[in-house]
C-alpha cells in the first residue's frame, strides 16, 4: 500500500486488520514504520491539504472532513488546515467562480447566484465568503443583482 501512495497510520491499521493480522503484531509493525519515517500523519496531512486545495479547490472545512475520514487525529487535522492562508482560500474561491461563470451565462441572476454559491459550499467554503465572492464576480460582469436576495438580510 505504501508503494502506491502515502497512507495514514489508521488506513494501514485497517488494512492489517482486514488481513487478520494480530493487533500486537500490527502495532509493532506500524510503530516500526513510524520510527523509520514510512508513516508520518503530520506530513501526510500537510501534503494532502496543499494538493487538494491547489488541485480541486477545496476549502478548510472539506479538507478537514477528508482527513478525518482517513483517520488523521483532530489536532493534526487542525494544524494542517490552518496552514491555508485566508487570502489564498479567497483567491481560490474567486478562481473557481471565474471558471464556472461562463457556464451560467444567460440564466437568471438569482439562479446563477444559487448555482455558484452552491458549488463553493460543496467545496467547503463558508457561506459568507461564498456569497461575497459570487456577488463580486456577478457585479463585475454587469449582472443585475437587484432581484437577488441578500442571505445576510432576513427581511429581504
N, C-alpha and C. Protein backbone atom coordinates (compact mmCIF):
# COMPACT_ATOMS: atom_id res chain seq x y z
N UNK A 1 0.82 -1.20 0.00
CA UNK A 1 0.00 0.00 0.00
C UNK A 1 0.86 1.26 0.00
N UNK A 2 1.95 1.24 0.75
CA UNK A 2 2.81 2.42 0.83
C UNK A 2 3.57 2.68 -0.46
N UNK A 3 3.77 1.64 -1.27
CA UNK A 3 4.48 1.85 -2.52
C UNK A 3 3.59 2.57 -3.54
N UNK A 4 2.28 2.46 -3.40
CA UNK A 4 1.36 3.12 -4.34
C UNK A 4 1.17 4.59 -4.00
N UNK A 5 1.00 4.89 -2.71
CA UNK A 5 0.75 6.27 -2.28
C UNK A 5 0.94 6.35 -0.77
N UNK A 6 1.23 7.55 -0.26
CA UNK A 6 1.33 7.69 1.20
C UNK A 6 0.00 7.35 1.86
N UNK A 7 0.06 6.78 3.03
CA UNK A 7 -1.14 6.39 3.78
C UNK A 7 -1.00 6.86 5.23
N UNK A 8 -2.15 6.98 5.87
CA UNK A 8 -2.14 7.32 7.30
C UNK A 8 -1.97 6.05 8.11
N UNK A 9 -1.61 6.23 9.35
CA UNK A 9 -1.46 5.10 10.25
C UNK A 9 -2.78 4.34 10.37
N UNK A 10 -3.89 5.07 10.45
CA UNK A 10 -5.21 4.44 10.59
C UNK A 10 -5.56 3.61 9.34
N UNK A 11 -5.23 4.11 8.16
CA UNK A 11 -5.50 3.36 6.94
C UNK A 11 -4.72 2.05 6.92
N UNK A 12 -3.46 2.11 7.32
CA UNK A 12 -2.64 0.89 7.35
C UNK A 12 -3.12 -0.07 8.43
N UNK A 13 -3.52 0.45 9.57
CA UNK A 13 -4.04 -0.40 10.64
C UNK A 13 -5.31 -1.12 10.18
N UNK A 14 -6.18 -0.42 9.46
CA UNK A 14 -7.40 -1.04 8.92
C UNK A 14 -7.05 -2.14 7.93
N UNK A 15 -6.07 -1.89 7.08
CA UNK A 15 -5.67 -2.88 6.08
C UNK A 15 -5.12 -4.13 6.77
N UNK A 16 -4.32 -3.95 7.80
CA UNK A 16 -3.77 -5.10 8.53
C UNK A 16 -4.88 -5.86 9.25
N UNK A 17 -5.84 -5.15 9.79
CA UNK A 17 -6.98 -5.78 10.48
C UNK A 17 -7.79 -6.61 9.49
N UNK A 18 -8.01 -6.08 8.27
CA UNK A 18 -8.76 -6.82 7.25
C UNK A 18 -8.05 -8.11 6.84
N UNK A 19 -6.74 -8.11 6.97
CA UNK A 19 -5.96 -9.30 6.61
C UNK A 19 -5.75 -10.22 7.82
N UNK A 20 -6.49 -9.94 8.89
CA UNK A 20 -6.46 -10.76 10.11
C UNK A 20 -5.09 -10.86 10.76
N UNK A 21 -4.32 -9.77 10.67
CA UNK A 21 -3.03 -9.71 11.36
C UNK A 21 -3.33 -9.42 12.83
N UNK A 22 -2.74 -10.18 13.75
CA UNK A 22 -2.99 -9.92 15.18
C UNK A 22 -2.64 -8.47 15.55
N UNK A 23 -3.44 -7.89 16.45
CA UNK A 23 -3.28 -6.49 16.82
C UNK A 23 -1.89 -6.17 17.36
N UNK A 24 -1.31 -7.06 18.18
CA UNK A 24 0.02 -6.79 18.74
C UNK A 24 1.09 -6.76 17.65
N UNK A 25 0.97 -7.64 16.67
CA UNK A 25 1.93 -7.67 15.56
C UNK A 25 1.75 -6.40 14.71
N UNK A 26 0.51 -6.07 14.41
CA UNK A 26 0.24 -4.88 13.61
C UNK A 26 0.77 -3.63 14.30
N UNK A 27 0.59 -3.55 15.60
CA UNK A 27 1.06 -2.37 16.34
C UNK A 27 2.58 -2.26 16.30
N UNK A 28 3.27 -3.39 16.41
CA UNK A 28 4.75 -3.37 16.32
C UNK A 28 5.20 -2.94 14.93
N UNK A 29 4.56 -3.47 13.90
CA UNK A 29 4.92 -3.11 12.52
C UNK A 29 4.67 -1.63 12.28
N UNK A 30 3.50 -1.14 12.68
CA UNK A 30 3.18 0.28 12.48
C UNK A 30 4.11 1.18 13.29
N UNK A 31 4.46 0.74 14.48
CA UNK A 31 5.42 1.50 15.29
C UNK A 31 6.77 1.60 14.62
N UNK A 32 7.21 0.51 14.06
CA UNK A 32 8.50 0.49 13.36
C UNK A 32 8.44 1.37 12.11
N UNK A 33 7.33 1.29 11.36
CA UNK A 33 7.17 2.13 10.18
C UNK A 33 7.21 3.61 10.56
N UNK A 34 6.62 3.94 11.69
CA UNK A 34 6.64 5.33 12.16
C UNK A 34 8.06 5.74 12.53
N UNK A 35 8.78 4.85 13.23
CA UNK A 35 10.15 5.14 13.66
C UNK A 35 11.08 5.42 12.48
N UNK A 36 10.91 4.67 11.40
CA UNK A 36 11.81 4.85 10.25
C UNK A 36 11.29 5.87 9.24
N UNK A 37 10.12 6.46 9.54
CA UNK A 37 9.61 7.54 8.70
C UNK A 37 8.74 7.12 7.53
N UNK A 38 8.31 5.86 7.49
CA UNK A 38 7.42 5.43 6.42
C UNK A 38 5.99 5.89 6.65
N UNK A 39 5.65 6.13 7.91
CA UNK A 39 4.32 6.67 8.26
C UNK A 39 4.55 7.98 8.99
N UNK A 40 3.95 9.04 8.47
CA UNK A 40 4.04 10.35 9.10
C UNK A 40 2.73 11.08 8.84
N UNK A 41 1.79 10.96 9.78
CA UNK A 41 0.47 11.56 9.57
C UNK A 41 0.53 13.07 9.43
N UNK A 42 1.47 13.72 10.12
CA UNK A 42 1.58 15.18 10.00
C UNK A 42 1.99 15.58 8.58
N UNK A 43 3.00 14.92 8.05
CA UNK A 43 3.45 15.21 6.69
C UNK A 43 2.36 14.86 5.67
N UNK A 44 1.67 13.74 5.92
CA UNK A 44 0.58 13.34 5.04
C UNK A 44 -0.50 14.43 5.00
N UNK A 45 -0.88 14.91 6.18
CA UNK A 45 -1.94 15.93 6.27
C UNK A 45 -1.53 17.22 5.57
N UNK A 46 -0.29 17.66 5.78
CA UNK A 46 0.19 18.88 5.13
C UNK A 46 0.17 18.74 3.61
N UNK A 47 0.69 17.63 3.13
CA UNK A 47 0.72 17.40 1.68
C UNK A 47 -0.70 17.29 1.11
N UNK A 48 -1.59 16.63 1.85
CA UNK A 48 -2.97 16.47 1.41
C UNK A 48 -3.64 17.82 1.27
N UNK A 49 -3.48 18.67 2.27
CA UNK A 49 -4.11 20.00 2.26
C UNK A 49 -3.63 20.80 1.06
N UNK A 50 -2.34 20.86 0.86
CA UNK A 50 -1.80 21.65 -0.26
C UNK A 50 -2.25 21.08 -1.60
N UNK A 51 -2.19 19.77 -1.74
CA UNK A 51 -2.54 19.13 -3.01
C UNK A 51 -4.02 19.30 -3.34
N UNK A 52 -4.89 19.03 -2.40
CA UNK A 52 -6.33 19.09 -2.65
C UNK A 52 -6.84 20.53 -2.76
N UNK A 53 -6.18 21.45 -2.07
CA UNK A 53 -6.59 22.85 -2.20
C UNK A 53 -6.18 23.38 -3.57
N UNK A 54 -4.97 23.09 -3.95
CA UNK A 54 -4.47 23.57 -5.23
C UNK A 54 -5.16 22.86 -6.39
N UNK A 55 -5.28 21.56 -6.32
CA UNK A 55 -5.80 20.79 -7.44
C UNK A 55 -7.31 20.80 -7.57
N UNK A 56 -8.05 20.71 -6.46
CA UNK A 56 -9.50 20.61 -6.52
C UNK A 56 -10.21 21.84 -5.98
N UNK A 57 -9.44 22.76 -5.39
CA UNK A 57 -10.04 23.99 -4.88
C UNK A 57 -10.82 23.82 -3.59
N UNK A 58 -10.51 22.77 -2.83
CA UNK A 58 -11.25 22.52 -1.60
C UNK A 58 -10.85 23.50 -0.50
N UNK A 59 -11.83 23.88 0.30
CA UNK A 59 -11.61 24.81 1.41
C UNK A 59 -11.32 24.02 2.69
N UNK A 60 -11.02 24.77 3.75
CA UNK A 60 -10.62 24.16 5.03
C UNK A 60 -11.61 23.11 5.53
N UNK A 61 -12.89 23.44 5.50
CA UNK A 61 -13.90 22.52 6.05
C UNK A 61 -13.90 21.18 5.31
N UNK A 62 -13.87 21.22 3.98
CA UNK A 62 -13.88 19.98 3.20
C UNK A 62 -12.58 19.20 3.39
N UNK A 63 -11.47 19.91 3.46
CA UNK A 63 -10.18 19.25 3.66
C UNK A 63 -10.13 18.56 5.02
N UNK A 64 -10.64 19.23 6.04
CA UNK A 64 -10.65 18.64 7.39
C UNK A 64 -11.50 17.38 7.41
N UNK A 65 -12.64 17.41 6.75
CA UNK A 65 -13.51 16.23 6.70
C UNK A 65 -12.83 15.06 6.00
N UNK A 66 -12.13 15.35 4.90
CA UNK A 66 -11.43 14.29 4.18
C UNK A 66 -10.34 13.66 5.05
N UNK A 67 -9.58 14.51 5.74
CA UNK A 67 -8.50 13.99 6.58
C UNK A 67 -9.06 13.16 7.74
N UNK A 68 -10.15 13.60 8.33
CA UNK A 68 -10.76 12.83 9.43
C UNK A 68 -11.24 11.47 8.93
N UNK A 69 -11.80 11.43 7.70
CA UNK A 69 -12.23 10.15 7.13
C UNK A 69 -11.06 9.20 6.93
N UNK A 70 -9.88 9.75 6.75
CA UNK A 70 -8.70 8.92 6.56
C UNK A 70 -8.02 8.56 7.87
N UNK A 71 -8.64 8.96 8.97
CA UNK A 71 -8.14 8.55 10.28
C UNK A 71 -7.07 9.44 10.88
N UNK A 72 -6.90 10.65 10.37
CA UNK A 72 -5.91 11.57 10.92
C UNK A 72 -6.48 12.19 12.19
N UNK A 73 -5.64 12.29 13.21
CA UNK A 73 -6.07 12.83 14.51
C UNK A 73 -6.52 14.28 14.38
N UNK A 74 -7.45 14.67 15.24
CA UNK A 74 -8.04 16.00 15.20
C UNK A 74 -7.04 17.13 15.28
N UNK A 75 -6.06 17.04 16.19
CA UNK A 75 -5.05 18.10 16.32
C UNK A 75 -4.22 18.23 15.05
N UNK A 76 -3.87 17.10 14.47
CA UNK A 76 -3.09 17.10 13.24
C UNK A 76 -3.90 17.71 12.09
N UNK A 77 -5.18 17.39 12.04
CA UNK A 77 -6.06 17.96 11.02
C UNK A 77 -6.12 19.47 11.17
N UNK A 78 -6.35 19.94 12.40
CA UNK A 78 -6.44 21.38 12.64
C UNK A 78 -5.16 22.10 12.26
N UNK A 79 -4.02 21.54 12.64
CA UNK A 79 -2.74 22.15 12.30
C UNK A 79 -2.55 22.24 10.79
N UNK A 80 -2.93 21.18 10.09
CA UNK A 80 -2.73 21.15 8.63
C UNK A 80 -3.63 22.15 7.92
N UNK A 81 -4.91 22.22 8.29
CA UNK A 81 -5.80 23.13 7.57
C UNK A 81 -5.54 24.59 7.94
N UNK A 82 -4.98 24.83 9.11
CA UNK A 82 -4.67 26.20 9.49
C UNK A 82 -3.49 26.77 8.72
N UNK A 83 -2.76 25.93 7.99
CA UNK A 83 -1.66 26.43 7.16
C UNK A 83 -2.18 27.16 5.92
N UNK A 84 -3.47 26.94 5.60
CA UNK A 84 -4.06 27.66 4.47
C UNK A 84 -4.31 29.10 4.87
N UNK A 85 -3.78 30.01 4.11
CA UNK A 85 -3.95 31.43 4.34
C UNK A 85 -5.35 31.84 3.88
N UNK A 86 -6.09 32.62 4.70
CA UNK A 86 -7.43 33.05 4.29
C UNK A 86 -7.43 33.77 2.94
N UNK A 87 -6.40 34.54 2.66
CA UNK A 87 -6.32 35.23 1.37
C UNK A 87 -6.15 34.22 0.23
N UNK A 88 -5.38 33.18 0.47
CA UNK A 88 -5.19 32.12 -0.52
C UNK A 88 -6.51 31.39 -0.77
N UNK A 89 -7.24 31.13 0.31
CA UNK A 89 -8.52 30.45 0.19
C UNK A 89 -9.52 31.30 -0.61
N UNK A 90 -9.54 32.61 -0.34
CA UNK A 90 -10.43 33.50 -1.08
C UNK A 90 -10.04 33.58 -2.55
N UNK A 91 -8.75 33.65 -2.81
CA UNK A 91 -8.29 33.70 -4.20
C UNK A 91 -8.68 32.43 -4.96
N UNK A 92 -8.60 31.29 -4.30
CA UNK A 92 -9.01 30.04 -4.93
C UNK A 92 -10.51 30.04 -5.20
N UNK A 93 -11.30 30.55 -4.25
CA UNK A 93 -12.75 30.64 -4.45
C UNK A 93 -13.07 31.53 -5.64
N UNK A 94 -12.37 32.66 -5.74
CA UNK A 94 -12.60 33.57 -6.87
C UNK A 94 -12.25 32.89 -8.20
N UNK A 95 -11.17 32.16 -8.22
CA UNK A 95 -10.77 31.46 -9.45
C UNK A 95 -11.80 30.41 -9.84
N UNK A 96 -12.34 29.69 -8.86
CA UNK A 96 -13.36 28.69 -9.14
C UNK A 96 -14.61 29.34 -9.73
N UNK A 97 -15.02 30.46 -9.15
CA UNK A 97 -16.21 31.16 -9.64
C UNK A 97 -15.97 31.69 -11.04
N UNK A 98 -14.82 32.27 -11.28
CA UNK A 98 -14.49 32.80 -12.61
C UNK A 98 -14.56 31.68 -13.65
N UNK A 99 -14.06 30.52 -13.29
CA UNK A 99 -14.05 29.39 -14.22
C UNK A 99 -15.47 28.91 -14.54
N UNK A 100 -16.37 28.95 -13.56
CA UNK A 100 -17.73 28.45 -13.75
C UNK A 100 -18.71 29.52 -14.25
N UNK A 101 -18.31 30.78 -14.20
CA UNK A 101 -19.20 31.88 -14.52
C UNK A 101 -19.76 31.77 -15.94
N UNK A 102 -18.93 31.45 -16.88
CA UNK A 102 -19.35 31.41 -18.28
C UNK A 102 -20.43 30.36 -18.51
N UNK A 103 -20.37 29.25 -17.78
CA UNK A 103 -21.35 28.18 -17.95
C UNK A 103 -22.75 28.60 -17.50
N UNK A 104 -22.83 29.65 -16.70
CA UNK A 104 -24.15 30.09 -16.21
C UNK A 104 -24.68 31.31 -16.95
N UNK A 105 -23.93 31.80 -17.93
CA UNK A 105 -24.38 32.99 -18.67
C UNK A 105 -25.74 32.75 -19.30
N UNK A 106 -26.57 33.79 -19.28
CA UNK A 106 -27.90 33.69 -19.86
C UNK A 106 -28.96 33.26 -18.87
N UNK A 107 -28.54 32.71 -17.74
CA UNK A 107 -29.50 32.28 -16.72
C UNK A 107 -29.89 33.48 -15.86
N UNK A 108 -30.99 33.33 -15.16
CA UNK A 108 -31.48 34.34 -14.23
C UNK A 108 -30.39 34.62 -13.18
N UNK A 109 -30.14 35.88 -12.81
CA UNK A 109 -29.09 36.19 -11.82
C UNK A 109 -29.27 35.45 -10.50
N UNK A 110 -30.51 35.29 -10.03
CA UNK A 110 -30.73 34.57 -8.77
C UNK A 110 -30.33 33.11 -8.92
N UNK A 111 -30.64 32.53 -10.06
CA UNK A 111 -30.29 31.13 -10.33
C UNK A 111 -28.77 30.98 -10.41
N UNK A 112 -28.12 31.92 -11.08
CA UNK A 112 -26.65 31.90 -11.18
C UNK A 112 -26.04 31.98 -9.79
N UNK A 113 -26.59 32.88 -8.97
CA UNK A 113 -26.09 33.05 -7.61
C UNK A 113 -26.20 31.73 -6.85
N UNK A 114 -27.36 31.09 -6.91
CA UNK A 114 -27.56 29.82 -6.19
C UNK A 114 -26.60 28.75 -6.67
N UNK A 115 -26.44 28.64 -7.97
CA UNK A 115 -25.56 27.61 -8.52
C UNK A 115 -24.10 27.82 -8.09
N UNK A 116 -23.64 29.05 -8.22
CA UNK A 116 -22.24 29.33 -7.91
C UNK A 116 -21.96 29.24 -6.41
N UNK A 117 -22.87 29.77 -5.60
CA UNK A 117 -22.69 29.66 -4.14
C UNK A 117 -22.77 28.20 -3.72
N UNK A 118 -23.67 27.44 -4.33
CA UNK A 118 -23.78 26.01 -4.04
C UNK A 118 -22.51 25.25 -4.38
N UNK A 119 -21.91 25.59 -5.52
CA UNK A 119 -20.66 24.96 -5.93
C UNK A 119 -19.58 25.20 -4.88
N UNK A 120 -19.48 26.45 -4.41
CA UNK A 120 -18.48 26.77 -3.39
C UNK A 120 -18.80 26.08 -2.06
N UNK A 121 -20.07 26.00 -1.72
CA UNK A 121 -20.47 25.33 -0.48
C UNK A 121 -20.08 23.86 -0.51
N UNK A 122 -20.26 23.21 -1.64
CA UNK A 122 -19.89 21.79 -1.76
C UNK A 122 -18.39 21.59 -1.63
N UNK A 123 -17.62 22.62 -1.92
CA UNK A 123 -16.17 22.54 -1.78
C UNK A 123 -15.72 22.99 -0.40
N UNK A 124 -16.67 23.31 0.48
CA UNK A 124 -16.34 23.60 1.86
C UNK A 124 -16.14 25.06 2.21
N UNK A 125 -16.49 25.97 1.33
CA UNK A 125 -16.30 27.39 1.63
C UNK A 125 -17.42 27.89 2.53
N UNK A 126 -17.10 28.79 3.47
CA UNK A 126 -18.13 29.34 4.36
C UNK A 126 -19.15 30.16 3.56
N UNK A 127 -20.41 30.17 4.01
CA UNK A 127 -21.47 30.86 3.26
C UNK A 127 -21.18 32.34 3.00
N UNK A 128 -20.68 33.05 3.99
CA UNK A 128 -20.41 34.48 3.81
C UNK A 128 -19.38 34.74 2.72
N UNK A 129 -18.31 33.98 2.74
CA UNK A 129 -17.26 34.13 1.73
C UNK A 129 -17.81 33.76 0.36
N UNK A 130 -18.54 32.65 0.28
CA UNK A 130 -19.08 32.20 -1.00
C UNK A 130 -20.00 33.26 -1.60
N UNK A 131 -20.90 33.78 -0.80
CA UNK A 131 -21.84 34.79 -1.29
C UNK A 131 -21.10 36.04 -1.75
N UNK A 132 -20.14 36.51 -0.95
CA UNK A 132 -19.40 37.73 -1.29
C UNK A 132 -18.63 37.57 -2.60
N UNK A 133 -17.95 36.44 -2.76
CA UNK A 133 -17.14 36.19 -3.96
C UNK A 133 -18.04 36.12 -5.20
N UNK A 134 -19.16 35.42 -5.09
CA UNK A 134 -20.07 35.29 -6.23
C UNK A 134 -20.70 36.64 -6.57
N UNK A 135 -21.13 37.36 -5.54
CA UNK A 135 -21.74 38.68 -5.76
C UNK A 135 -20.76 39.61 -6.47
N UNK A 136 -19.50 39.61 -6.02
CA UNK A 136 -18.48 40.45 -6.66
C UNK A 136 -18.27 40.05 -8.12
N UNK A 137 -18.22 38.75 -8.38
CA UNK A 137 -17.98 38.27 -9.76
C UNK A 137 -19.15 38.65 -10.67
N UNK A 138 -20.36 38.49 -10.17
CA UNK A 138 -21.53 38.84 -10.97
C UNK A 138 -21.61 40.35 -11.20
N UNK A 139 -21.26 41.12 -10.18
CA UNK A 139 -21.27 42.58 -10.31
C UNK A 139 -20.23 43.03 -11.34
N UNK A 140 -19.05 42.42 -11.32
CA UNK A 140 -18.00 42.76 -12.29
C UNK A 140 -18.46 42.46 -13.71
N UNK A 141 -19.27 41.43 -13.84
CA UNK A 141 -19.78 41.03 -15.15
C UNK A 141 -20.91 41.95 -15.62
N UNK A 142 -21.46 42.72 -14.67
CA UNK A 142 -22.54 43.63 -15.02
C UNK A 142 -23.92 43.04 -14.84
N UNK A 143 -24.04 41.94 -14.11
CA UNK A 143 -25.34 41.32 -13.88
C UNK A 143 -26.20 42.20 -12.98
N UNK A 144 -27.51 42.17 -13.21
CA UNK A 144 -28.46 42.93 -12.39
C UNK A 144 -28.71 42.15 -11.11
N UNK A 145 -28.19 42.65 -10.01
CA UNK A 145 -28.29 41.94 -8.73
C UNK A 145 -29.42 42.47 -7.86
N UNK A 146 -30.26 43.35 -8.38
CA UNK A 146 -31.36 43.91 -7.60
C UNK A 146 -32.35 42.83 -7.19
N UNK A 147 -32.60 41.88 -8.07
CA UNK A 147 -33.60 40.84 -7.79
C UNK A 147 -33.04 39.69 -6.96
N UNK A 148 -31.73 39.70 -6.71
CA UNK A 148 -31.10 38.61 -5.98
C UNK A 148 -31.19 38.92 -4.48
N UNK A 149 -31.84 38.03 -3.71
CA UNK A 149 -31.96 38.28 -2.27
C UNK A 149 -30.61 38.18 -1.57
N UNK A 150 -30.42 39.00 -0.57
CA UNK A 150 -29.19 39.00 0.22
C UNK A 150 -29.41 38.07 1.41
N UNK A 151 -28.67 36.93 1.50
CA UNK A 151 -28.88 35.99 2.60
C UNK A 151 -28.55 36.60 3.96
N UNK A 152 -27.79 37.68 3.99
CA UNK A 152 -27.45 38.32 5.26
C UNK A 152 -28.60 39.18 5.78
N UNK A 153 -29.56 39.49 4.90
CA UNK A 153 -30.69 40.32 5.29
C UNK A 153 -31.94 39.44 5.41
N UNK A 154 -32.38 39.12 6.63
CA UNK A 154 -33.53 38.22 6.81
C UNK A 154 -34.84 38.82 6.35
N UNK A 155 -34.91 40.14 6.14
CA UNK A 155 -36.14 40.79 5.72
C UNK A 155 -36.20 41.04 4.23
N UNK A 156 -35.20 40.57 3.51
CA UNK A 156 -35.13 40.79 2.07
C UNK A 156 -35.98 39.79 1.33
